[in-house]
Amino acid sequence: MQQAEHDARNQMAELCASLYARRFSVGTAGNVPARLEDGILMTPANATLGGIHPEEIAKIDRSGNHVSGGKPAKEVFLHQAFYETWPQAGVVVHLHSTWATALSCLEDTDPDDCIPR
């Protein structure tokens, strides 16, 4: 493992724990990918951001193949598309805040206009 990947894994675990501790993510909601020269690091599927260990973080190559670590979050295709569209981006934080999650669960939410005015 290259030093840059090792450092990125450690930073991701630390920052994910911080997001979880500040209640930006609850349960297993949300994920964080980071771009590497040879692929993407991705938080593992069904993981709580507060308890991710660096070696559990999934690595995906540029073709989308799982290379190492745990099974990647199912949204990996979304983040691959994001990085292809925004080549200058290095990290994406994809969270499901408590309030946004609660709003999405309401029975009377209009799927075509879900933001109250």
N, C-alpha and C. Protein backbone atom coordinates (compact mmCIF):
# COMPACT_ATOMS: atom_id res chain seq x y z
N MET A 1 0.85 -1.18 0.00
CA MET A 1 0.00 0.00 0.00
C MET A 1 0.89 1.24 0.00
N GLN A 2 0.59 2.17 -0.87
CA GLN A 2 1.36 3.41 -0.95
C GLN A 2 1.06 4.30 0.24
N GLN A 3 2.01 5.17 0.57
CA GLN A 3 1.87 6.06 1.72
C GLN A 3 0.65 6.98 1.58
N ALA A 4 0.39 7.48 0.37
CA ALA A 4 -0.77 8.36 0.16
C ALA A 4 -2.07 7.64 0.48
N GLU A 5 -2.19 6.38 0.08
CA GLU A 5 -3.39 5.61 0.38
C GLU A 5 -3.50 5.34 1.88
N HIS A 6 -2.40 4.97 2.49
CA HIS A 6 -2.37 4.73 3.94
C HIS A 6 -2.84 5.97 4.69
N ASP A 7 -2.30 7.13 4.33
CA ASP A 7 -2.67 8.39 4.98
C ASP A 7 -4.14 8.73 4.74
N ALA A 8 -4.61 8.51 3.51
CA ALA A 8 -6.02 8.80 3.19
C ALA A 8 -6.96 7.92 4.00
N ARG A 9 -6.62 6.65 4.16
CA ARG A 9 -7.45 5.74 4.95
C ARG A 9 -7.54 6.22 6.40
N ASN A 10 -6.41 6.61 6.97
CA ASN A 10 -6.40 7.10 8.35
C ASN A 10 -7.21 8.39 8.49
N GLN A 11 -7.04 9.31 7.55
CA GLN A 11 -7.80 10.57 7.60
C GLN A 11 -9.29 10.31 7.45
N MET A 12 -9.66 9.41 6.54
CA MET A 12 -11.08 9.10 6.35
C MET A 12 -11.69 8.53 7.62
N ALA A 13 -11.02 7.59 8.26
CA ALA A 13 -11.55 7.00 9.49
C ALA A 13 -11.73 8.06 10.57
N GLU A 14 -10.76 8.94 10.69
CA GLU A 14 -10.82 10.00 11.69
C GLU A 14 -11.95 10.99 11.40
N LEU A 15 -12.07 11.41 10.15
CA LEU A 15 -13.11 12.38 9.79
C LEU A 15 -14.50 11.76 9.85
N CYS A 16 -14.64 10.49 9.47
CA CYS A 16 -15.94 9.82 9.58
C CYS A 16 -16.38 9.75 11.04
N ALA A 17 -15.44 9.43 11.92
CA ALA A 17 -15.76 9.38 13.35
C ALA A 17 -16.21 10.76 13.85
N SER A 18 -15.58 11.81 13.36
CA SER A 18 -15.95 13.17 13.75
C SER A 18 -17.36 13.52 13.26
N LEU A 19 -17.67 13.16 12.02
CA LEU A 19 -19.02 13.41 11.50
C LEU A 19 -20.07 12.68 12.32
N TYR A 20 -19.77 11.45 12.67
CA TYR A 20 -20.70 10.65 13.47
C TYR A 20 -20.87 11.22 14.88
N ALA A 21 -19.75 11.61 15.48
CA ALA A 21 -19.79 12.16 16.84
C ALA A 21 -20.60 13.45 16.89
N ARG A 22 -20.59 14.21 15.81
CA ARG A 22 -21.35 15.46 15.75
C ARG A 22 -22.77 15.26 15.24
N ARG A 23 -23.17 13.99 15.10
CA ARG A 23 -24.52 13.58 14.71
C ARG A 23 -24.94 14.03 13.32
N PHE A 24 -23.96 14.14 12.42
CA PHE A 24 -24.29 14.42 11.02
C PHE A 24 -24.72 13.14 10.32
N SER A 25 -24.44 12.01 10.93
CA SER A 25 -24.82 10.71 10.39
C SER A 25 -25.28 9.84 11.55
N VAL A 26 -26.36 9.11 11.34
CA VAL A 26 -26.87 8.21 12.38
C VAL A 26 -26.94 6.80 11.81
N GLY A 27 -26.80 5.83 12.66
CA GLY A 27 -26.86 4.44 12.21
C GLY A 27 -25.83 4.18 11.13
N THR A 28 -26.27 3.57 10.05
CA THR A 28 -25.37 3.27 8.93
C THR A 28 -25.61 4.20 7.74
N ALA A 29 -26.26 5.33 7.98
CA ALA A 29 -26.58 6.26 6.89
C ALA A 29 -25.35 7.05 6.45
N GLY A 30 -25.21 7.20 5.16
CA GLY A 30 -24.17 8.03 4.59
C GLY A 30 -22.90 7.27 4.27
N ASN A 31 -22.06 7.89 3.45
CA ASN A 31 -20.77 7.31 3.10
C ASN A 31 -19.83 8.42 2.64
N VAL A 32 -18.56 8.08 2.63
CA VAL A 32 -17.53 9.05 2.26
C VAL A 32 -16.53 8.36 1.34
N PRO A 33 -16.43 8.79 0.09
CA PRO A 33 -15.39 8.30 -0.79
C PRO A 33 -14.29 9.36 -0.95
N ALA A 34 -13.09 8.90 -1.28
CA ALA A 34 -11.97 9.81 -1.54
C ALA A 34 -11.24 9.31 -2.78
N ARG A 35 -10.88 10.24 -3.64
CA ARG A 35 -10.19 9.89 -4.88
C ARG A 35 -8.71 9.62 -4.61
N LEU A 36 -8.21 8.59 -5.23
CA LEU A 36 -6.79 8.29 -5.26
C LEU A 36 -6.33 8.35 -6.72
N GLU A 37 -5.03 8.35 -6.93
CA GLU A 37 -4.53 8.34 -8.32
C GLU A 37 -4.98 7.10 -9.08
N ASP A 38 -5.10 5.97 -8.37
CA ASP A 38 -5.44 4.72 -9.04
C ASP A 38 -6.83 4.19 -8.72
N GLY A 39 -7.71 5.03 -8.18
CA GLY A 39 -9.07 4.59 -7.88
C GLY A 39 -9.74 5.43 -6.83
N ILE A 40 -10.63 4.79 -6.07
CA ILE A 40 -11.42 5.48 -5.05
C ILE A 40 -11.40 4.66 -3.77
N LEU A 41 -11.24 5.34 -2.64
CA LEU A 41 -11.49 4.72 -1.34
C LEU A 41 -12.93 5.01 -0.98
N MET A 42 -13.62 4.04 -0.39
CA MET A 42 -15.04 4.18 -0.10
C MET A 42 -15.35 3.54 1.24
N THR A 43 -16.13 4.24 2.06
CA THR A 43 -16.55 3.64 3.32
C THR A 43 -17.30 2.34 3.01
N PRO A 44 -17.15 1.35 3.89
CA PRO A 44 -17.76 0.05 3.62
C PRO A 44 -19.28 0.05 3.77
N ALA A 45 -19.91 -0.90 3.09
CA ALA A 45 -21.37 -1.05 3.15
C ALA A 45 -21.81 -1.36 4.57
N ASN A 46 -22.95 -0.79 4.94
CA ASN A 46 -23.58 -1.05 6.24
C ASN A 46 -22.68 -0.74 7.43
N ALA A 47 -21.80 0.22 7.27
CA ALA A 47 -20.89 0.60 8.35
C ALA A 47 -21.39 1.86 9.04
N THR A 48 -21.20 1.91 10.32
CA THR A 48 -21.45 3.13 11.08
C THR A 48 -20.22 4.01 10.95
N LEU A 49 -20.39 5.24 10.51
CA LEU A 49 -19.24 6.12 10.30
C LEU A 49 -18.41 6.30 11.57
N GLY A 50 -19.03 6.11 12.72
CA GLY A 50 -18.31 6.29 13.98
C GLY A 50 -17.36 5.17 14.33
N GLY A 51 -17.40 4.06 13.61
CA GLY A 51 -16.57 2.93 13.98
C GLY A 51 -15.79 2.32 12.84
N ILE A 52 -15.46 3.10 11.84
CA ILE A 52 -14.72 2.57 10.69
C ILE A 52 -13.23 2.52 11.00
N HIS A 53 -12.62 1.39 10.72
CA HIS A 53 -11.18 1.24 10.86
C HIS A 53 -10.54 1.41 9.49
N PRO A 54 -9.37 2.01 9.41
CA PRO A 54 -8.75 2.29 8.11
C PRO A 54 -8.66 1.07 7.18
N GLU A 55 -8.34 -0.09 7.72
CA GLU A 55 -8.17 -1.27 6.86
C GLU A 55 -9.50 -1.80 6.33
N GLU A 56 -10.63 -1.39 6.90
CA GLU A 56 -11.95 -1.81 6.44
C GLU A 56 -12.44 -0.99 5.25
N ILE A 57 -11.84 0.16 5.02
CA ILE A 57 -12.26 1.03 3.93
C ILE A 57 -12.00 0.33 2.59
N ALA A 58 -13.02 0.31 1.75
CA ALA A 58 -12.93 -0.38 0.46
C ALA A 58 -12.11 0.45 -0.52
N LYS A 59 -11.40 -0.25 -1.38
CA LYS A 59 -10.71 0.41 -2.50
C LYS A 59 -11.30 -0.12 -3.79
N ILE A 60 -11.65 0.80 -4.68
CA ILE A 60 -12.23 0.49 -5.97
C ILE A 60 -11.25 1.00 -7.03
N ASP A 61 -10.95 0.19 -8.05
CA ASP A 61 -10.06 0.67 -9.10
C ASP A 61 -10.86 1.56 -10.07
N ARG A 62 -10.18 2.12 -11.04
CA ARG A 62 -10.83 3.06 -11.97
C ARG A 62 -11.95 2.41 -12.80
N SER A 63 -11.93 1.10 -12.90
CA SER A 63 -12.97 0.39 -13.66
C SER A 63 -14.15 -0.01 -12.78
N GLY A 64 -14.07 0.29 -11.47
CA GLY A 64 -15.16 -0.04 -10.56
C GLY A 64 -15.02 -1.38 -9.88
N ASN A 65 -13.87 -2.03 -10.03
CA ASN A 65 -13.65 -3.34 -9.41
C ASN A 65 -13.18 -3.17 -7.97
N HIS A 66 -13.72 -4.00 -7.08
CA HIS A 66 -13.32 -4.00 -5.67
C HIS A 66 -11.93 -4.59 -5.57
N VAL A 67 -10.99 -3.83 -4.99
CA VAL A 67 -9.59 -4.25 -4.92
C VAL A 67 -9.22 -4.71 -3.52
N SER A 68 -9.67 -3.99 -2.49
CA SER A 68 -9.30 -4.35 -1.11
C SER A 68 -10.28 -3.75 -0.12
N GLY A 69 -10.13 -4.17 1.14
CA GLY A 69 -10.99 -3.66 2.20
C GLY A 69 -12.35 -4.33 2.18
N GLY A 70 -13.27 -3.76 2.94
CA GLY A 70 -14.63 -4.30 3.01
C GLY A 70 -15.41 -4.07 1.73
N LYS A 71 -16.59 -4.63 1.70
CA LYS A 71 -17.49 -4.43 0.56
C LYS A 71 -17.85 -2.94 0.50
N PRO A 72 -17.73 -2.30 -0.68
CA PRO A 72 -18.03 -0.87 -0.76
C PRO A 72 -19.52 -0.58 -0.64
N ALA A 73 -19.83 0.64 -0.21
CA ALA A 73 -21.21 1.09 -0.15
C ALA A 73 -21.84 0.99 -1.54
N LYS A 74 -23.14 0.75 -1.58
CA LYS A 74 -23.81 0.53 -2.86
C LYS A 74 -23.83 1.77 -3.76
N GLU A 75 -23.56 2.93 -3.21
CA GLU A 75 -23.58 4.17 -3.99
C GLU A 75 -22.28 4.45 -4.73
N VAL A 76 -21.39 3.47 -4.82
CA VAL A 76 -20.09 3.70 -5.45
C VAL A 76 -20.25 4.24 -6.87
N PHE A 77 -21.24 3.74 -7.62
CA PHE A 77 -21.47 4.21 -8.99
C PHE A 77 -21.78 5.71 -9.01
N LEU A 78 -22.51 6.17 -8.01
CA LEU A 78 -22.85 7.59 -7.91
C LEU A 78 -21.60 8.43 -7.73
N HIS A 79 -20.72 7.96 -6.88
CA HIS A 79 -19.49 8.72 -6.60
C HIS A 79 -18.50 8.63 -7.76
N GLN A 80 -18.47 7.51 -8.46
CA GLN A 80 -17.64 7.42 -9.65
C GLN A 80 -18.10 8.46 -10.68
N ALA A 81 -19.41 8.56 -10.86
CA ALA A 81 -19.95 9.55 -11.80
C ALA A 81 -19.63 10.97 -11.36
N PHE A 82 -19.69 11.20 -10.05
CA PHE A 82 -19.37 12.53 -9.54
C PHE A 82 -17.93 12.89 -9.86
N TYR A 83 -17.00 11.96 -9.59
CA TYR A 83 -15.58 12.23 -9.84
C TYR A 83 -15.30 12.39 -11.33
N GLU A 84 -16.02 11.67 -12.18
CA GLU A 84 -15.85 11.84 -13.63
C GLU A 84 -16.34 13.21 -14.08
N THR A 85 -17.42 13.68 -13.46
CA THR A 85 -17.99 14.98 -13.81
C THR A 85 -17.19 16.13 -13.23
N TRP A 86 -16.65 15.94 -12.05
CA TRP A 86 -15.89 16.97 -11.33
C TRP A 86 -14.47 16.45 -11.07
N PRO A 87 -13.60 16.47 -12.06
CA PRO A 87 -12.26 15.90 -11.88
C PRO A 87 -11.41 16.60 -10.82
N GLN A 88 -11.77 17.80 -10.44
CA GLN A 88 -11.01 18.52 -9.41
C GLN A 88 -11.39 18.10 -7.99
N ALA A 89 -12.50 17.37 -7.84
CA ALA A 89 -12.96 16.96 -6.51
C ALA A 89 -12.08 15.84 -5.96
N GLY A 90 -11.79 15.91 -4.68
CA GLY A 90 -10.97 14.89 -4.04
C GLY A 90 -11.75 14.01 -3.09
N VAL A 91 -12.75 14.60 -2.40
CA VAL A 91 -13.54 13.87 -1.41
C VAL A 91 -14.99 14.32 -1.53
N VAL A 92 -15.91 13.37 -1.32
CA VAL A 92 -17.34 13.67 -1.30
C VAL A 92 -17.87 13.19 0.05
N VAL A 93 -18.66 14.01 0.70
CA VAL A 93 -19.32 13.60 1.94
C VAL A 93 -20.80 13.47 1.62
N HIS A 94 -21.31 12.25 1.70
CA HIS A 94 -22.71 11.95 1.36
C HIS A 94 -23.40 11.50 2.63
N LEU A 95 -24.17 12.39 3.23
CA LEU A 95 -24.82 12.10 4.50
C LEU A 95 -26.33 12.16 4.38
N HIS A 96 -26.98 11.51 5.31
CA HIS A 96 -28.43 11.54 5.43
C HIS A 96 -28.73 12.10 6.81
N SER A 97 -28.93 13.40 6.88
CA SER A 97 -29.17 14.00 8.18
C SER A 97 -30.48 13.47 8.77
N THR A 98 -30.59 13.57 10.07
CA THR A 98 -31.79 13.09 10.76
C THR A 98 -33.04 13.74 10.19
N TRP A 99 -32.99 15.06 9.97
CA TRP A 99 -34.18 15.78 9.49
C TRP A 99 -34.53 15.42 8.06
N ALA A 100 -33.55 15.28 7.20
CA ALA A 100 -33.83 14.89 5.82
C ALA A 100 -34.39 13.47 5.76
N THR A 101 -33.86 12.59 6.58
CA THR A 101 -34.36 11.22 6.63
C THR A 101 -35.80 11.20 7.13
N ALA A 102 -36.08 11.97 8.18
CA ALA A 102 -37.45 12.03 8.71
C ALA A 102 -38.42 12.57 7.67
N LEU A 103 -38.01 13.61 6.95
CA LEU A 103 -38.87 14.18 5.91
C LEU A 103 -39.19 13.15 4.84
N SER A 104 -38.21 12.34 4.46
CA SER A 104 -38.43 11.36 3.40
C SER A 104 -39.37 10.24 3.83
N CYS A 105 -39.58 10.08 5.13
CA CYS A 105 -40.44 9.01 5.64
C CYS A 105 -41.90 9.44 5.82
N LEU A 106 -42.20 10.70 5.67
CA LEU A 106 -43.58 11.16 5.86
C LEU A 106 -44.48 10.62 4.75
N GLU A 107 -45.64 10.12 5.14
CA GLU A 107 -46.57 9.54 4.18
C GLU A 107 -47.11 10.56 3.18
N ASP A 108 -47.31 11.82 3.62
CA ASP A 108 -47.93 12.80 2.74
C ASP A 108 -46.91 13.65 1.99
N THR A 109 -45.67 13.21 1.92
CA THR A 109 -44.65 13.96 1.18
C THR A 109 -44.90 13.82 -0.31
N ASP A 110 -44.95 14.95 -0.99
CA ASP A 110 -45.14 14.97 -2.43
C ASP A 110 -43.78 14.69 -3.08
N PRO A 111 -43.60 13.56 -3.77
CA PRO A 111 -42.31 13.23 -4.35
C PRO A 111 -41.84 14.22 -5.41
N ASP A 112 -42.78 15.02 -5.96
CA ASP A 112 -42.41 16.02 -6.97
C ASP A 112 -42.11 17.38 -6.37
N ASP A 113 -42.42 17.55 -5.07
CA ASP A 113 -42.19 18.83 -4.40
C ASP A 113 -42.11 18.59 -2.90
N CYS A 114 -41.00 18.02 -2.44
CA CYS A 114 -40.89 17.57 -1.05
C CYS A 114 -40.39 18.63 -0.08
N ILE A 115 -39.96 19.76 -0.56
CA ILE A 115 -39.45 20.81 0.34
C ILE A 115 -40.58 21.78 0.67
N PRO A 116 -40.96 21.86 1.96
CA PRO A 116 -42.03 22.80 2.33
C PRO A 116 -41.58 24.24 2.09
N ARG A 117 -42.53 25.07 1.72
CA ARG A 117 -42.20 26.50 1.47
C ARG A 117 -42.89 27.36 2.47
